[in-house]
Amino acid sequence: MSGQWLPSVWPVSGRGLDQVPRGGGAAHARRRRGAVAMALAVGEEGEDPDFDEALRIQERANRYLANKNYKFAIEEYTAALFLVPDDDNLSPDLHLGRAHALNGSRRHKSAKIDATLALKIRPTPEAYSTPAKSLFYMKDFEGATEAFYNCKHMLPEGESLSMFDRAYLQKAEAALAEVR
């Protein structure tokens, strides 16, 4: 049943999970290793074909997102979420990936909803950073600033906001200063 409804024209890469292009830095890599470890653990206990298929779909979605093919990325993340809607390890990453694609498609309200879903499942710095960008694009500079501050507080000691997040935060703070 898993994945049979997907068209067969989408290629499945033979590359390993650690070779798939994706953003997110060290924090994303740690979460990814957690999802891969969970996949291996499930594989030892008993096969979960839906989880395995969701990982393959996520790989394609990540490639579409990296190539700014937002429509296809959104479709793939949605398909993967259909297979594992409540997986504590993988679902937050799928929601955040779809949120990034939705922001790229200028569907900021939907992106904020997806990022909020990821935040409820597993609060992470990225789960605060993504809706912060959505709020920024929606010109809710106060909400964006608050979300970026929450993101900063979630970062491990010694880490700081990414260059892009700092730029968004500065622009949001400047916009708030103009209004006041």
C-alpha atoms as a PDB file:
ATOM      1  CA  MET A   1       0.000   0.000   0.000  1.00  0.00           C
ATOM      2  CA  SER A   2       2.700   2.489   0.926  1.00  0.00           C
ATOM      3  CA  GLY A   3       3.602   4.770  -1.960  1.00  0.00           C
ATOM      4  CA  GLN A   4       1.656   2.828  -4.573  1.00  0.00           C
ATOM      5  CA  TRP A   5      -0.489   5.830  -5.405  1.00  0.00           C
ATOM      6  CA  LEU A   6       2.571   7.925  -6.321  1.00  0.00           C
ATOM      7  CA  PRO A   7       3.432   8.204 -10.013  1.00  0.00           C
ATOM      8  CA  SER A   8       6.430   6.113 -10.967  1.00  0.00           C
ATOM      9  CA  VAL A   9       8.041   8.955 -12.937  1.00  0.00           C
ATOM     10  CA  TRP A  10       9.672  10.370  -9.801  1.00  0.00           C
ATOM     11  CA  PRO A  11      13.158   8.926  -9.467  1.00  0.00           C
ATOM     12  CA  VAL A  12      14.353   7.471  -6.197  1.00  0.00           C
ATOM     13  CA  SER A  13      17.993   8.299  -5.630  1.00  0.00           C
ATOM     14  CA  GLY A  14      20.465   5.599  -4.782  1.00  0.00           C
ATOM     15  CA  ARG A  15      22.391   8.043  -2.610  1.00  0.00           C
ATOM     16  CA  GLY A  16      22.621   7.541   1.120  1.00  0.00           C
ATOM     17  CA  LEU A  17      20.651   9.731   3.507  1.00  0.00           C
ATOM     18  CA  ASP A  18      23.805  11.643   4.451  1.00  0.00           C
ATOM     19  CA  GLN A  19      24.414  12.651   0.819  1.00  0.00           C
ATOM     20  CA  VAL A  20      21.076  14.303   0.126  1.00  0.00           C
ATOM     21  CA  PRO A  21      21.442  18.076  -0.253  1.00  0.00           C
ATOM     22  CA  ARG A  22      19.622  19.950   2.465  1.00  0.00           C
ATOM     23  CA  GLY A  23      20.038  23.083   4.528  1.00  0.00           C
ATOM     24  CA  GLY A  24      19.808  23.599   8.232  1.00  0.00           C
ATOM     25  CA  GLY A  25      23.371  23.188   9.446  1.00  0.00           C
ATOM     26  CA  ALA A  26      24.466  21.182  12.469  1.00  0.00           C
ATOM     27  CA  ALA A  27      21.078  21.196  14.198  1.00  0.00           C
ATOM     28  CA  HIS A  28      19.396  19.733  11.112  1.00  0.00           C
ATOM     29  CA  ALA A  29      22.127  17.104  10.836  1.00  0.00           C
ATOM     30  CA  ARG A  30      21.565  16.044  14.474  1.00  0.00           C
ATOM     31  CA  ARG A  31      17.790  15.738  13.909  1.00  0.00           C
ATOM     32  CA  ARG A  32      18.388  13.837  10.690  1.00  0.00           C
ATOM     33  CA  ARG A  33      20.696  11.382  12.438  1.00  0.00           C
ATOM     34  CA  GLY A  34      17.939  10.906  15.031  1.00  0.00           C
ATOM     35  CA  ALA A  35      15.389  10.112  12.324  1.00  0.00           C
ATOM     36  CA  VAL A  36      17.833   7.738  10.623  1.00  0.00           C
ATOM     37  CA  ALA A  37      18.610   6.053  13.959  1.00  0.00           C
ATOM     38  CA  MET A  38      14.875   5.640  14.544  1.00  0.00           C
ATOM     39  CA  ALA A  39      14.498   4.143  11.068  1.00  0.00           C
ATOM     40  CA  LEU A  40      17.271   1.657  11.805  1.00  0.00           C
ATOM     41  CA  ALA A  41      15.728   0.766  15.171  1.00  0.00           C
ATOM     42  CA  VAL A  42      12.345   0.193  13.547  1.00  0.00           C
ATOM     43  CA  GLY A  43      14.071  -1.921  10.916  1.00  0.00           C
ATOM     44  CA  GLU A  44      15.512  -4.153  13.654  1.00  0.00           C
ATOM     45  CA  GLU A  45      12.168  -4.542  15.469  1.00  0.00           C
ATOM     46  CA  GLY A  46      10.057  -4.952  12.368  1.00  0.00           C
ATOM     47  CA  GLU A  47       9.794  -3.296   9.019  1.00  0.00           C
ATOM     48  CA  ASP A  48       7.818  -0.080   8.720  1.00  0.00           C
ATOM     49  CA  PRO A  49       7.367   0.380   4.978  1.00  0.00           C
ATOM     50  CA  ASP A  50       5.471   3.651   5.446  1.00  0.00           C
ATOM     51  CA  PHE A  51       8.376   5.173   7.376  1.00  0.00           C
ATOM     52  CA  ASP A  52      10.904   3.942   4.809  1.00  0.00           C
ATOM     53  CA  GLU A  53       8.803   5.333   1.955  1.00  0.00           C
ATOM     54  CA  ALA A  54       8.380   8.638   3.816  1.00  0.00           C
ATOM     55  CA  LEU A  55      12.172   8.921   4.089  1.00  0.00           C
ATOM     56  CA  ARG A  56      12.555   8.310   0.347  1.00  0.00           C
ATOM     57  CA  ILE A  57       9.875  10.895  -0.407  1.00  0.00           C
ATOM     58  CA  GLN A  58      11.549  13.358   1.958  1.00  0.00           C
ATOM     59  CA  GLU A  59      14.807  12.952   0.018  1.00  0.00           C
ATOM     60  CA  ARG A  60      13.014  13.935  -3.195  1.00  0.00           C
ATOM     61  CA  ALA A  61      11.240  16.812  -1.451  1.00  0.00           C
ATOM     62  CA  ASN A  62      14.552  18.099  -0.091  1.00  0.00           C
ATOM     63  CA  ARG A  63      16.047  18.059  -3.588  1.00  0.00           C
ATOM     64  CA  TYR A  64      13.031  19.886  -5.011  1.00  0.00           C
ATOM     65  CA  LEU A  65      13.298  22.469  -2.229  1.00  0.00           C
ATOM     66  CA  ALA A  66      17.046  22.933  -2.797  1.00  0.00           C
ATOM     67  CA  ASN A  67      16.301  23.554  -6.493  1.00  0.00           C
ATOM     68  CA  LYS A  68      13.477  25.995  -5.624  1.00  0.00           C
ATOM     69  CA  ASN A  69      10.894  23.671  -7.181  1.00  0.00           C
ATOM     70  CA  TYR A  70       8.439  24.651  -4.472  1.00  0.00           C
ATOM     71  CA  LYS A  71       5.277  23.139  -5.948  1.00  0.00           C
ATOM     72  CA  PHE A  72       6.805  19.679  -6.224  1.00  0.00           C
ATOM     73  CA  ALA A  73       8.492  20.011  -2.817  1.00  0.00           C
ATOM     74  CA  ILE A  74       5.146  20.845  -1.204  1.00  0.00           C
ATOM     75  CA  GLU A  75       3.518  17.834  -2.890  1.00  0.00           C
ATOM     76  CA  GLU A  76       6.284  15.488  -1.766  1.00  0.00           C
ATOM     77  CA  TYR A  77       6.336  16.706   1.850  1.00  0.00           C
ATOM     78  CA  THR A  78       2.553  16.351   1.904  1.00  0.00           C
ATOM     79  CA  ALA A  79       2.793  12.786   0.577  1.00  0.00           C
ATOM     80  CA  ALA A  80       5.384  11.888   3.221  1.00  0.00           C
ATOM     81  CA  LEU A  81       3.222  13.418   5.959  1.00  0.00           C
ATOM     82  CA  PHE A  82       0.315  11.310   4.749  1.00  0.00           C
ATOM     83  CA  LEU A  83       2.413   8.216   5.473  1.00  0.00           C
ATOM     84  CA  VAL A  84       3.757   9.305   8.890  1.00  0.00           C
ATOM     85  CA  PRO A  85       1.435  12.027  10.196  1.00  0.00           C
ATOM     86  CA  ASP A  86       2.317  11.565  13.859  1.00  0.00           C
ATOM     87  CA  ASP A  87       5.913  10.327  13.890  1.00  0.00           C
ATOM     88  CA  ASP A  88       7.730  12.331  16.586  1.00  0.00           C
ATOM     89  CA  ASN A  89      11.067  12.102  14.781  1.00  0.00           C
ATOM     90  CA  LEU A  90      10.193  12.609  11.130  1.00  0.00           C
ATOM     91  CA  SER A  91       6.936  14.594  11.064  1.00  0.00           C
ATOM     92  CA  PRO A  92       8.447  17.833  12.455  1.00  0.00           C
ATOM     93  CA  ASP A  93      11.123  17.804   9.743  1.00  0.00           C
ATOM     94  CA  LEU A  94       8.475  17.204   7.086  1.00  0.00           C
ATOM     95  CA  HIS A  95       6.328  20.060   8.405  1.00  0.00           C
ATOM     96  CA  LEU A  96       9.352  22.392   8.464  1.00  0.00           C
ATOM     97  CA  GLY A  97      10.410  21.365   4.969  1.00  0.00           C
ATOM     98  CA  ARG A  98       6.921  22.022   3.675  1.00  0.00           C
ATOM     99  CA  ALA A  99       6.871  25.345   5.549  1.00  0.00           C
ATOM    100  CA  HIS A 100      10.082  26.396   3.783  1.00  0.00           C
ATOM    101  CA  ALA A 101       8.574  25.450   0.425  1.00  0.00           C
ATOM    102  CA  LEU A 102       5.342  27.297   1.274  1.00  0.00           C
ATOM    103  CA  ASN A 103       7.318  30.419   2.215  1.00  0.00           C
ATOM    104  CA  GLY A 104       9.163  30.110  -1.105  1.00  0.00           C
ATOM    105  CA  SER A 105       5.761  29.976  -2.826  1.00  0.00           C
ATOM    106  CA  ARG A 106       4.675  33.106  -0.926  1.00  0.00           C
ATOM    107  CA  ARG A 107       2.051  31.113   0.997  1.00  0.00           C
ATOM    108  CA  HIS A 108       3.188  32.514   4.314  1.00  0.00           C
ATOM    109  CA  LYS A 109       0.050  31.829   6.367  1.00  0.00           C
ATOM    110  CA  SER A 110       0.158  28.155   5.426  1.00  0.00           C
ATOM    111  CA  ALA A 111       3.908  28.079   6.125  1.00  0.00           C
ATOM    112  CA  LYS A 112       3.307  29.522   9.596  1.00  0.00           C
ATOM    113  CA  ILE A 113       0.706  26.827  10.298  1.00  0.00           C
ATOM    114  CA  ASP A 114       3.082  24.036   9.241  1.00  0.00           C
ATOM    115  CA  ALA A 115       5.944  25.473  11.283  1.00  0.00           C
ATOM    116  CA  THR A 116       3.640  25.778  14.296  1.00  0.00           C
ATOM    117  CA  LEU A 117       2.689  22.100  13.920  1.00  0.00           C
ATOM    118  CA  ALA A 118       6.385  21.181  13.936  1.00  0.00           C
ATOM    119  CA  LEU A 119       6.899  23.382  16.994  1.00  0.00           C
ATOM    120  CA  LYS A 120       4.124  21.593  18.891  1.00  0.00           C
ATOM    121  CA  ILE A 121       5.632  18.174  18.139  1.00  0.00           C
ATOM    122  CA  ARG A 122       9.274  19.070  18.803  1.00  0.00           C
ATOM    123  CA  PRO A 123      10.367  22.587  19.799  1.00  0.00           C
ATOM    124  CA  THR A 124      13.670  23.385  18.098  1.00  0.00           C
ATOM    125  CA  PRO A 125      15.424  26.584  17.044  1.00  0.00           C
ATOM    126  CA  GLU A 126      14.433  25.936  13.419  1.00  0.00           C
ATOM    127  CA  ALA A 127      10.823  25.420  14.491  1.00  0.00           C
ATOM    128  CA  TYR A 128      10.884  29.004  15.824  1.00  0.00           C
ATOM    129  CA  SER A 129      12.968  30.457  12.984  1.00  0.00           C
ATOM    130  CA  THR A 130      10.669  29.226  10.209  1.00  0.00           C
ATOM    131  CA  PRO A 131       7.434  30.841  11.471  1.00  0.00           C
ATOM    132  CA  ALA A 132       9.461  33.951  12.321  1.00  0.00           C
ATOM    133  CA  LYS A 133      10.226  34.337   8.624  1.00  0.00           C
ATOM    134  CA  SER A 134       6.573  33.708   7.751  1.00  0.00           C
ATOM    135  CA  LEU A 135       5.512  36.401  10.221  1.00  0.00           C
ATOM    136  CA  PHE A 136       8.133  38.757   8.783  1.00  0.00           C
ATOM    137  CA  TYR A 137       6.784  38.268   5.263  1.00  0.00           C
ATOM    138  CA  MET A 138       3.255  38.848   6.575  1.00  0.00           C
ATOM    139  CA  LYS A 139       4.550  42.136   8.068  1.00  0.00           C
ATOM    140  CA  ASP A 140       3.888  40.984  11.645  1.00  0.00           C
ATOM    141  CA  PHE A 141       7.225  42.369  12.785  1.00  0.00           C
ATOM    142  CA  GLU A 142       6.413  42.093  16.487  1.00  0.00           C
ATOM    143  CA  GLY A 143       5.529  38.394  16.124  1.00  0.00           C
ATOM    144  CA  ALA A 144       8.613  37.806  13.968  1.00  0.00           C
ATOM    145  CA  THR A 145      10.871  39.478  16.530  1.00  0.00           C
ATOM    146  CA  GLU A 146       9.398  37.401  19.348  1.00  0.00           C
ATOM    147  CA  ALA A 147       9.826  34.174  17.363  1.00  0.00           C
ATOM    148  CA  PHE A 148      13.458  35.023  16.545  1.00  0.00           C
ATOM    149  CA  TYR A 149      14.145  35.696  20.238  1.00  0.00           C
ATOM    150  CA  ASN A 150      12.581  32.328  21.098  1.00  0.00           C
ATOM    151  CA  CYS A 151      14.818  30.775  18.461  1.00  0.00           C
ATOM    152  CA  LYS A 152      17.893  32.416  20.042  1.00  0.00           C
ATOM    153  CA  HIS A 153      16.966  31.060  23.472  1.00  0.00           C
ATOM    154  CA  MET A 154      16.618  27.515  22.068  1.00  0.00           C
ATOM    155  CA  LEU A 155      20.088  27.499  20.509  1.00  0.00           C
ATOM    156  CA  PRO A 156      22.785  25.454  22.249  1.00  0.00           C
ATOM    157  CA  GLU A 157      25.326  27.439  24.226  1.00  0.00           C
ATOM    158  CA  GLY A 158      27.896  29.025  21.968  1.00  0.00           C
ATOM    159  CA  GLU A 159      25.667  29.022  18.865  1.00  0.00           C
ATOM    160  CA  SER A 160      24.047  32.123  17.449  1.00  0.00           C
ATOM    161  CA  LEU A 161      21.388  32.911  14.886  1.00  0.00           C
ATOM    162  CA  SER A 162      22.343  32.272  11.294  1.00  0.00           C
ATOM    163  CA  MET A 163      23.431  35.204   9.200  1.00  0.00           C
ATOM    164  CA  PHE A 164      20.040  35.188   7.465  1.00  0.00           C
ATOM    165  CA  ASP A 165      18.041  35.001  10.688  1.00  0.00           C
ATOM    166  CA  ARG A 166      20.074  37.901  12.117  1.00  0.00           C
ATOM    167  CA  ALA A 167      19.300  39.944   9.011  1.00  0.00           C
ATOM    168  CA  TYR A 168      15.561  39.192   9.265  1.00  0.00           C
ATOM    169  CA  LEU A 169      15.597  40.031  12.979  1.00  0.00           C
ATOM    170  CA  GLN A 170      17.382  43.354  12.356  1.00  0.00           C
ATOM    171  CA  LYS A 171      14.900  44.283   9.624  1.00  0.00           C
ATOM    172  CA  ALA A 172      11.945  43.363  11.869  1.00  0.00           C
ATOM    173  CA  GLU A 173      13.370  45.408  14.743  1.00  0.00           C
ATOM    174  CA  ALA A 174      13.970  48.363  12.397  1.00  0.00           C
ATOM    175  CA  ALA A 175      10.378  48.156  11.106  1.00  0.00           C
ATOM    176  CA  LEU A 176       9.095  48.125  14.698  1.00  0.00           C
ATOM    177  CA  ALA A 177      11.242  51.133  15.546  1.00  0.00           C
ATOM    178  CA  GLU A 178       9.744  53.065  12.617  1.00  0.00           C
ATOM    179  CA  VAL A 179       6.210  52.370  13.824  1.00  0.00           C
ATOM    180  CA  ARG A 180       6.964  53.468  17.403  1.00  0.00           C
END
